[in-house]
Protein backbone atom coordinates (compact mmCIF):
# COMPACT_ATOMS: atom_id res chain seq x y z
CA MET A 1 -0.01 0.08 -0.15
CA THR A 2 1.24 3.30 -0.81
CA SER A 3 1.19 6.40 1.67
CA PRO A 4 -2.50 8.73 1.39
CA ALA A 5 0.09 11.65 0.34
CA LEU A 6 1.74 9.64 -2.56
CA SER A 7 -1.60 7.96 -3.45
CA ARG A 8 -2.96 11.53 -4.07
CA PHE A 9 0.00 13.03 -6.10
CA LEU A 10 -0.11 9.35 -8.11
CA THR A 11 -3.29 10.33 -9.85
CA PRO A 12 -4.73 8.27 -12.97
CA ARG A 13 -4.06 11.53 -15.11
CA ARG A 14 -0.48 12.34 -13.82
CA LEU A 15 0.62 8.77 -14.36
CA LEU A 16 -1.48 8.45 -17.92
CA TRP A 17 0.69 11.88 -18.62
CA ALA A 18 4.09 10.27 -17.58
CA SER A 19 3.03 7.03 -20.00
CA VAL A 20 2.81 9.00 -22.91
CA VAL A 21 5.90 10.39 -22.36
CA VAL A 22 7.70 7.32 -21.61
CA ALA A 23 6.22 6.15 -24.92
CA LEU A 24 7.63 8.94 -26.96
CA VAL A 25 11.43 8.07 -25.16
CA THR A 26 11.02 4.32 -25.96
CA ILE A 27 9.27 4.96 -29.57
CA VAL A 28 12.74 7.06 -30.20
CA MET A 29 15.15 4.25 -28.66
CA LYS A 30 13.46 1.14 -30.20
CA THR A 31 12.96 2.66 -33.91
CA LEU A 32 16.49 3.66 -33.33
CA ALA A 33 17.62 0.30 -32.53
CA TRP A 34 15.76 -1.07 -35.45
CA TYR A 35 17.32 1.41 -37.76
CA ILE A 36 21.10 0.58 -36.85
CA THR A 37 20.18 -3.00 -36.84
CA GLY A 38 17.71 -4.13 -39.24
CA SER A 39 15.99 -6.51 -37.06
CA VAL A 40 12.64 -7.58 -37.78
CA GLY A 41 12.40 -8.42 -33.91
CA LEU A 42 13.22 -5.08 -33.00
CA LEU A 43 10.86 -3.27 -35.40
CA SER A 44 7.94 -5.55 -34.04
CA ASP A 45 9.21 -4.19 -30.74
CA ALA A 46 9.14 -0.25 -31.78
CA MET A 47 5.88 -0.80 -33.13
CA GLU A 48 4.32 -2.04 -30.11
CA SER A 49 6.17 1.28 -28.89
CA PHE A 50 3.62 3.06 -30.92
CA VAL A 51 0.74 1.26 -29.51
CA ASN A 52 1.61 2.33 -25.96
CA LEU A 53 1.57 5.82 -27.19
CA ALA A 54 -1.92 5.65 -28.62
CA SER A 55 -2.99 4.20 -25.92
CA ALA A 56 -1.82 5.92 -23.16
CA VAL A 57 -3.26 9.26 -25.29
CA PHE A 58 -6.63 7.40 -25.42
CA ALA A 59 -6.71 6.41 -21.65
CA LEU A 60 -5.90 9.59 -20.62
CA LEU A 61 -8.98 11.25 -22.81
CA MET A 62 -11.00 8.34 -21.17
CA VAL A 63 -9.95 8.89 -17.87
CA THR A 64 -10.69 13.11 -18.03
CA ILE A 65 -13.95 12.08 -19.13
CA ALA A 66 -14.83 9.68 -15.91
CA GLN A 67 -14.01 12.00 -13.91
CA ARG A 68 -16.72 14.63 -14.65
CA PRO A 69 -19.60 15.07 -12.36
CA PRO A 70 -23.07 13.58 -13.04
CA ASP A 71 -25.27 15.68 -15.12
CA GLU A 72 -28.85 15.44 -16.72
CA GLU A 73 -27.99 13.05 -19.27
CA HIS A 74 -25.55 10.90 -16.64
CA PRO A 75 -27.24 10.80 -13.72
CA TYR A 76 -24.98 8.05 -12.56
CA GLY A 77 -21.49 9.90 -13.78
CA HIS A 78 -19.35 8.72 -16.58
CA HIS A 79 -17.04 6.27 -14.58
CA LYS A 80 -17.83 3.26 -17.42
CA ALA A 81 -16.01 5.49 -19.83
CA GLU A 82 -12.69 3.95 -18.74
CA TYR A 83 -13.95 0.42 -20.03
CA PHE A 84 -13.49 2.34 -23.82
CA SER A 85 -9.93 2.80 -23.08
CA SER A 86 -9.07 -0.45 -22.11
CA GLY A 87 -11.43 -2.08 -25.02
CA PHE A 88 -9.77 0.53 -27.49
CA GLU A 89 -6.20 -0.41 -26.14
CA GLY A 90 -7.06 -4.36 -26.46
CA ILE A 91 -7.89 -3.59 -30.45
CA LEU A 92 -4.83 -1.62 -31.05
CA ILE A 93 -2.92 -4.69 -29.63
CA ILE A 94 -4.80 -6.82 -32.10
CA GLY A 95 -4.21 -4.37 -34.81
CA ALA A 96 -0.05 -4.27 -34.16
CA ALA A 97 0.11 -7.81 -33.77
CA GLY A 98 -1.42 -8.36 -37.53
CA GLY A 99 1.28 -5.89 -38.67
CA ILE A 100 4.39 -7.49 -36.71
CA ILE A 101 3.15 -10.90 -38.35
CA TRP A 102 2.87 -9.45 -41.92
CA ALA A 103 5.96 -7.66 -41.72
CA ALA A 104 7.86 -10.55 -39.97
CA GLY A 105 6.51 -13.61 -42.47
CA HIS A 106 8.09 -11.97 -45.31
CA ARG A 107 11.88 -11.68 -43.77
CA LEU A 108 11.23 -15.15 -42.69
CA PHE A 109 11.49 -16.46 -46.03
CA ALA A 110 14.04 -13.43 -47.06
CA PRO A 111 16.37 -13.35 -43.75
CA GLN A 112 18.55 -10.17 -43.90
CA PRO A 113 21.80 -10.02 -41.77
CA LEU A 114 21.95 -7.72 -38.61
CA SER A 115 24.77 -5.29 -37.92
CA SER A 116 25.42 -3.04 -34.54
CA VAL A 117 23.60 -5.71 -32.73
CA GLY A 118 25.46 -4.96 -29.32
CA TRP A 119 24.06 -0.90 -29.48
CA GLY A 120 20.47 -2.08 -30.74
CA LEU A 121 20.11 -4.59 -27.79
CA GLY A 122 21.26 -1.66 -25.11
CA LEU A 123 19.01 0.83 -26.76
CA SER A 124 15.94 -2.09 -26.30
CA VAL A 125 17.12 -3.33 -22.91
CA VAL A 126 17.03 0.56 -21.63
CA SER A 127 13.69 1.55 -22.98
CA SER A 128 12.21 -1.70 -21.37
CA ALA A 129 13.57 -0.98 -17.99
CA LEU A 130 11.58 2.43 -18.28
CA ASN A 131 8.28 0.76 -19.02
CA GLY A 132 9.04 -1.97 -16.23
CA LEU A 133 9.37 0.82 -13.40
CA LEU A 134 6.30 2.73 -14.84
CA ALA A 135 4.42 -0.16 -15.09
CA TRP A 136 4.84 -1.29 -11.28
CA VAL A 137 4.10 2.06 -10.47
CA MET A 138 0.97 2.12 -12.33
CA PHE A 139 -0.21 -1.23 -11.21
CA ARG A 140 0.19 -0.16 -7.35
CA ALA A 141 -1.68 3.03 -8.22
CA ALA A 142 -4.76 1.32 -10.00
CA ARG A 143 -5.44 -0.92 -7.02
CA GLU A 144 -5.55 2.28 -4.77
CA HIS A 145 -7.85 4.24 -7.36
CA ARG A 146 -9.62 1.21 -8.99
CA SER A 147 -8.63 2.47 -12.06
CA ILE A 148 -9.20 -0.49 -15.45
CA ALA A 149 -7.76 2.18 -17.66
CA LEU A 150 -4.42 2.57 -15.54
CA GLU A 151 -4.73 -1.74 -14.82
CA ALA A 152 -5.14 -1.79 -19.12
CA ASP A 153 -1.92 0.70 -19.63
CA ALA A 154 0.15 -1.11 -17.07
CA ARG A 155 -0.78 -4.70 -18.46
CA HIS A 156 0.35 -3.19 -21.81
CA LEU A 157 3.43 -1.81 -20.63
CA VAL A 158 4.21 -5.66 -18.89
CA THR A 159 3.85 -7.15 -22.27
CA ASP A 160 5.71 -4.70 -24.01
CA VAL A 161 8.65 -5.50 -21.42
CA TRP A 162 8.50 -9.35 -22.16
CA THR A 163 8.25 -8.63 -25.98
CA SER A 164 11.14 -6.81 -25.66
CA ALA A 165 13.09 -9.77 -23.55
CA GLY A 166 11.86 -12.37 -25.84
CA VAL A 167 13.49 -9.90 -28.55
CA VAL A 168 16.58 -10.06 -27.18
CA VAL A 169 16.67 -13.43 -26.64
CA GLY A 170 16.47 -14.08 -30.00
CA ILE A 171 18.78 -11.76 -31.52
CA GLY A 172 21.16 -13.35 -29.05
CA ALA A 173 20.27 -16.41 -30.71
CA VAL A 174 20.92 -15.23 -33.77
CA VAL A 175 24.37 -14.05 -33.33
CA LEU A 176 25.20 -17.16 -31.41
CA THR A 177 23.75 -19.41 -33.92
CA GLY A 178 24.12 -17.70 -37.38
CA TRP A 179 20.62 -18.68 -37.77
CA LEU A 180 19.01 -15.57 -39.24
CA TRP A 181 15.07 -16.90 -39.66
CA LEU A 182 15.17 -16.95 -35.89
CA ASP A 183 14.95 -12.79 -36.27
CA ALA A 184 11.30 -13.26 -37.99
CA LEU A 185 10.47 -16.30 -35.75
CA VAL A 186 10.84 -14.33 -32.46
CA ALA A 187 8.99 -11.32 -34.20
CA ILE A 188 5.89 -13.94 -34.95
CA GLY A 189 6.44 -15.33 -31.01
CA VAL A 190 5.83 -11.37 -30.12
CA ALA A 191 3.27 -10.86 -32.04
CA LEU A 192 1.57 -13.85 -30.76
CA ASN A 193 1.61 -12.96 -27.36
CA ILE A 194 0.78 -9.38 -27.74
CA LEU A 195 -2.19 -10.76 -29.76
CA TRP A 196 -3.45 -12.64 -26.20
CA GLU A 197 -3.02 -9.82 -24.62
CA GLY A 198 -5.27 -7.86 -26.47
CA GLY A 199 -8.04 -10.45 -26.52
CA HIS A 200 -7.56 -10.43 -22.69
CA LEU A 201 -7.91 -6.30 -22.31
CA MET A 202 -11.23 -6.55 -24.63
CA TRP A 203 -12.95 -9.21 -22.48
CA ARG A 204 -12.16 -7.04 -19.43
CA SER A 205 -13.66 -4.06 -21.09
CA SER A 206 -17.22 -5.73 -22.19
CA GLN A 207 -17.20 -7.50 -18.48
CA GLY A 208 -17.35 -3.74 -17.07
CA LEU A 209 -19.71 -2.77 -19.87
CA MET A 210 -22.14 -5.49 -19.04
CA ASP A 211 -22.12 -4.41 -14.96
CA GLU A 212 -19.85 -7.31 -13.76
CA ALA A 213 -20.58 -7.53 -10.02
CA VAL A 214 -18.15 -6.66 -7.72
CA GLU A 215 -14.60 -8.55 -6.79
CA PRO A 216 -15.27 -11.37 -4.51
CA GLU A 217 -13.48 -9.81 -1.34
CA VAL A 218 -15.35 -6.50 -1.95
CA LEU A 219 -18.91 -8.70 -1.61
CA ASP A 220 -17.33 -10.33 1.36
CA ALA A 221 -16.72 -6.87 3.08
CA ILE A 222 -20.35 -6.03 2.28
CA HIS A 223 -21.59 -9.32 3.57
CA GLN A 224 -19.60 -8.94 6.90
CA THR A 225 -20.75 -5.51 7.51
CA LEU A 226 -24.50 -6.31 7.02
CA ALA A 227 -23.80 -9.16 9.42
CA GLY A 228 -23.26 -6.63 12.31
CA PHE A 229 -26.50 -4.89 11.64
CA GLU A 230 -28.69 -8.34 11.65
CA HIS A 231 -30.58 -9.06 14.97
CA ARG A 232 -32.49 -12.22 15.58
CA ARG A 233 -35.13 -12.95 18.67
CA GLY A 234 -34.78 -16.84 18.96
CA GLU A 235 -35.81 -18.28 15.66
CA ILE A 236 -37.70 -15.24 14.37
CA ALA A 237 -35.28 -12.37 12.34
CA ILE A 238 -35.99 -8.78 13.75
CA ILE A 239 -33.47 -7.35 11.40
CA ARG A 240 -32.32 -8.87 8.56
CA PHE A 241 -31.26 -8.14 4.53
CA ASP A 242 -31.85 -10.25 1.03
CA HIS A 243 -31.91 -9.49 -2.42
CA LEU A 244 -28.53 -8.34 -2.75
CA SER A 245 -27.11 -7.12 -6.00
CA THR A 246 -23.55 -5.35 -6.77
CA ARG A 247 -22.32 -4.00 -10.04
CA ARG A 248 -19.22 -2.38 -10.99
CA ALA A 249 -18.71 1.12 -13.07
CA GLY A 250 -15.22 2.09 -13.42
CA GLN A 251 -13.71 3.31 -10.24
CA ARG A 252 -17.52 3.06 -8.40
CA ARG A 253 -19.08 0.19 -6.87
CA PHE A 254 -22.99 -0.23 -6.21
CA VAL A 255 -24.95 -2.30 -3.88
CA ASP A 256 -28.86 -2.78 -3.88
CA LEU A 257 -30.72 -4.57 -1.26
CA HIS A 258 -33.47 -4.69 0.88
CA MET A 259 -33.59 -4.18 4.93
CA HIS A 260 -36.57 -5.84 6.73
CA MET A 261 -37.64 -4.74 10.27
CA PRO A 262 -40.34 -4.82 12.21
CA ALA A 263 -43.59 -3.21 10.98
CA GLY A 264 -44.26 -1.15 14.07
CA TRP A 265 -41.05 0.88 14.02
CA THR A 266 -41.65 4.74 13.04
CA LEU A 267 -40.32 5.88 9.71
CA GLY A 268 -37.69 8.20 11.82
CA ARG A 269 -36.11 4.98 13.36
CA ALA A 270 -36.13 3.21 10.18
CA ALA A 271 -34.77 5.64 8.39
CA ALA A 272 -31.78 6.65 11.10
CA LEU A 273 -30.74 2.47 10.89
CA ARG A 274 -30.88 2.67 7.12
CA THR A 275 -28.24 5.74 7.53
CA SER A 276 -25.86 3.94 9.87
CA VAL A 277 -26.01 0.95 7.54
CA GLU A 278 -25.32 3.18 4.39
CA GLN A 279 -22.24 4.56 6.37
CA ALA A 280 -20.99 1.77 7.40
CA LEU A 281 -20.65 0.24 4.13
CA MET A 282 -19.34 3.19 2.52
CA SER A 283 -16.80 2.80 5.38
CA ALA A 284 -15.94 -0.73 4.46
CA VAL A 285 -15.68 -0.79 0.95
CA PRO A 286 -14.82 3.16 -0.03
CA GLY A 287 -16.20 4.53 -3.21
CA LEU A 288 -19.22 2.34 -2.77
CA ARG A 289 -22.51 3.24 -3.34
CA ALA A 290 -25.53 1.90 -1.62
CA THR A 291 -29.20 1.58 -2.47
CA ILE A 292 -31.70 0.35 0.60
CA GLN A 293 -35.22 -0.26 0.43
CA LEU A 294 -37.08 -0.56 3.55
CA LEU A 295 -39.67 -3.40 4.25
CA PRO A 296 -41.47 -4.82 6.96
CA SER A 297 -40.05 -8.43 8.01
CA ASP A 298 -43.22 -9.97 7.08
CA VAL A 299 -42.88 -8.82 3.70
CA GLU A 300 -41.23 -10.24 0.94
CA ALA A 301 -40.65 -8.66 -2.77
CA HIS A 302 -40.58 -11.24 -5.52
CA PHE A 303 -38.33 -10.47 -8.48
CA ASP A 304 -38.40 -14.08 -10.30
CA ASP A 305 -42.11 -14.02 -11.06
CA GLU A 306 -42.60 -14.60 -14.77
CA LYS A 307 -44.72 -11.47 -15.27
CA ASP A 308 -42.04 -9.58 -13.82
CA LEU A 309 -39.36 -10.86 -16.34
CA LEU A 310 -41.42 -10.00 -19.69
């Protein structure tokens, strides 16, 4: 866990701006590495850095939109905008993988000699170190801010690090064996790796847009909090909760539930207890928004009737 002061400083917007700057630096370094070596493996590495730049810019835009307050047209806020960032990044990664496979396929059947390999690999290693450091910071901040846009960008940067590692190993093998076709084969392997990552990001984005339930640990915290307010008298439940449902929308978590209590309670007493439950839930799960419907203990709500599903 980062300190509160550091967490406030490492906001999603600041980190995504840092991602844009790092992407520009790595583009220059990796393009230069490809230019001086002629390696299609390093070319594939440079192409992914262009995807990093486009992804970071789009994520920055979506995070900015997600932070807008609710308005008349979006009364629940704009938090789901971050899922578009994740999906867009997945599409870009898949497109980059296709371009890499196309370029490597030609080189596989017409291998070219490599030059200045030491300089090229050195530039690739330094740029990968920058990406790895930024990804580590972004993963920690993504957990603190519950930002899927930061998580998606961090995952992509980690993929870039593994891509560069594979390229370095492949080019090293070319130098040691003299088998020039290994350069193209490594590039194709890199493309398949980032293709899988792109599909994973698109899946995560689709699940968020379909109102996926909160994480298991968050649901456990909700149940534990509600258990502290439940009250029974023998076999009779005086205060109980049911029909609980949850969903995620970007950095927000939502829970809807029914709270049953004695029918003889005054409205003021029932409302006071509901307020206490809401405050306890929001303390247990930061960013949670709770909607609690009050019902008498002997009244049940039925949502599974066939007429209600039409």
